[in-house]
């Protein structure tokens, strides 16, 4: 049991470090960046720059991410809710990776 707790704490530390890195590079909090990314004027710009299939994939992932971001304290969720949240987040990551790969393929 203690090994599981140690692994959880390591992952939590890694996540906090990743968030801190993004915030240091951008000079802004992660929640502010997400709100800016979802601002209507920025989404309109993206829709004009990206191919429809890439934009659709990206938008779907962002909207799902925004929904998950509304969870105030994930540690307070039941184990089944945590697993559902983790599964949904994994699917969102796959969608974003798919959109990024499409963009990379277009640039080549």
Protein backbone atom coordinates (compact mmCIF):
# COMPACT_ATOMS: atom_id res chain seq x y z
CA UNK A 1 0.00 0.00 0.00
CA UNK A 2 2.80 2.42 0.80
CA UNK A 3 4.35 1.81 -2.62
CA UNK A 4 1.09 2.95 -4.22
CA UNK A 5 1.04 6.10 -2.08
CA UNK A 6 4.68 6.83 -2.95
CA UNK A 7 3.95 6.43 -6.67
CA UNK A 8 0.88 8.65 -6.38
CA UNK A 9 2.90 11.36 -4.66
CA UNK A 10 5.61 11.16 -7.33
CA UNK A 11 3.01 11.54 -10.10
CA UNK A 12 1.38 14.42 -8.27
CA UNK A 13 4.76 16.13 -7.90
CA UNK A 14 5.45 15.60 -11.61
CA UNK A 15 2.08 17.11 -12.51
CA UNK A 16 2.66 20.15 -10.29
CA UNK A 17 6.13 20.63 -11.78
CA UNK A 18 4.71 20.47 -15.31
CA UNK A 19 2.04 23.04 -14.46
CA UNK A 20 4.65 25.27 -12.80
CA UNK A 21 6.85 25.05 -15.91
CA UNK A 22 4.00 26.12 -18.18
CA UNK A 23 3.20 28.99 -15.84
CA UNK A 24 6.84 30.10 -15.66
CA UNK A 25 7.25 30.07 -19.43
CA UNK A 26 3.99 31.89 -20.06
CA UNK A 27 4.11 34.18 -17.03
CA UNK A 28 0.47 33.33 -16.30
CA UNK A 29 -1.53 30.80 -14.32
CA UNK A 30 -2.63 27.62 -16.09
CA UNK A 31 -6.32 28.38 -15.54
CA UNK A 32 -5.86 31.80 -17.17
CA UNK A 33 -4.21 30.18 -20.18
CA UNK A 34 -7.10 27.77 -20.56
CA UNK A 35 -9.66 30.59 -20.38
CA UNK A 36 -7.70 32.56 -22.99
CA UNK A 37 -7.48 29.56 -25.27
CA UNK A 38 -11.24 29.12 -25.04
CA UNK A 39 -12.01 32.81 -25.60
CA UNK A 40 -14.35 33.20 -28.59
CA UNK A 41 -12.03 35.54 -30.50
CA UNK A 42 -9.13 33.09 -30.21
CA UNK A 43 -11.29 30.15 -31.26
CA UNK A 44 -12.45 32.15 -34.27
CA UNK A 45 -8.82 32.76 -35.28
CA UNK A 46 -8.01 29.06 -34.87
CA UNK A 47 -10.98 28.05 -36.98
CA UNK A 48 -9.64 30.16 -39.85
CA UNK A 49 -6.08 28.82 -39.58
CA UNK A 50 -6.69 25.11 -39.08
CA UNK A 51 -8.19 22.59 -41.49
CA UNK A 52 -11.75 21.69 -40.44
CA UNK A 53 -10.90 18.14 -39.33
CA UNK A 54 -7.98 19.31 -37.16
CA UNK A 55 -10.00 22.19 -35.72
CA UNK A 56 -12.91 19.87 -34.95
CA UNK A 57 -10.67 17.36 -33.18
CA UNK A 58 -8.94 20.11 -31.23
CA UNK A 59 -12.19 21.87 -30.28
CA UNK A 60 -13.76 18.68 -29.09
CA UNK A 61 -10.77 18.00 -26.86
CA UNK A 62 -10.69 21.56 -25.52
CA UNK A 63 -14.38 21.56 -24.63
CA UNK A 64 -14.05 18.23 -22.87
CA UNK A 65 -10.98 19.56 -21.04
CA UNK A 66 -12.85 22.69 -19.96
CA UNK A 67 -15.57 20.50 -18.51
CA UNK A 68 -13.04 18.46 -16.54
CA UNK A 69 -11.27 21.60 -15.35
CA UNK A 70 -14.44 22.59 -13.50
CA UNK A 71 -13.86 19.78 -10.98
CA UNK A 72 -12.79 21.72 -7.90
CA UNK A 73 -11.05 19.01 -5.89
CA UNK A 74 -10.40 15.76 -7.74
CA UNK A 75 -8.97 14.21 -4.58
CA UNK A 76 -12.40 14.48 -2.95
CA UNK A 77 -14.02 12.32 -5.64
CA UNK A 78 -14.90 8.69 -5.05
CA UNK A 79 -12.49 6.10 -6.48
CA UNK A 80 -14.87 5.33 -9.36
CA UNK A 81 -15.26 9.04 -10.16
CA UNK A 82 -11.47 9.45 -10.11
CA UNK A 83 -11.09 6.55 -12.55
CA UNK A 84 -13.76 8.02 -14.82
CA UNK A 85 -12.03 11.41 -14.70
CA UNK A 86 -8.63 9.82 -15.42
CA UNK A 87 -10.07 7.85 -18.32
CA UNK A 88 -11.69 10.94 -19.80
CA UNK A 89 -8.46 12.90 -19.43
CA UNK A 90 -6.52 10.13 -21.18
CA UNK A 91 -8.98 10.26 -24.08
CA UNK A 92 -8.62 14.04 -24.29
CA UNK A 93 -4.83 13.69 -24.43
CA UNK A 94 -5.16 11.19 -27.28
CA UNK A 95 -7.40 13.61 -29.20
CA UNK A 96 -4.98 16.50 -28.76
CA UNK A 97 -2.05 14.30 -29.78
CA UNK A 98 -3.99 13.23 -32.87
CA UNK A 99 -4.64 16.86 -33.85
CA UNK A 100 -0.97 17.78 -33.29
CA UNK A 101 0.18 14.83 -35.41
CA UNK A 102 -2.11 15.96 -38.23
CA UNK A 103 -0.60 19.45 -38.05
CA UNK A 104 2.93 18.05 -38.10
CA UNK A 105 2.10 15.91 -41.13
CA UNK A 106 0.73 18.98 -42.95
CA UNK A 107 3.96 20.92 -42.37
CA UNK A 108 6.10 18.21 -43.97
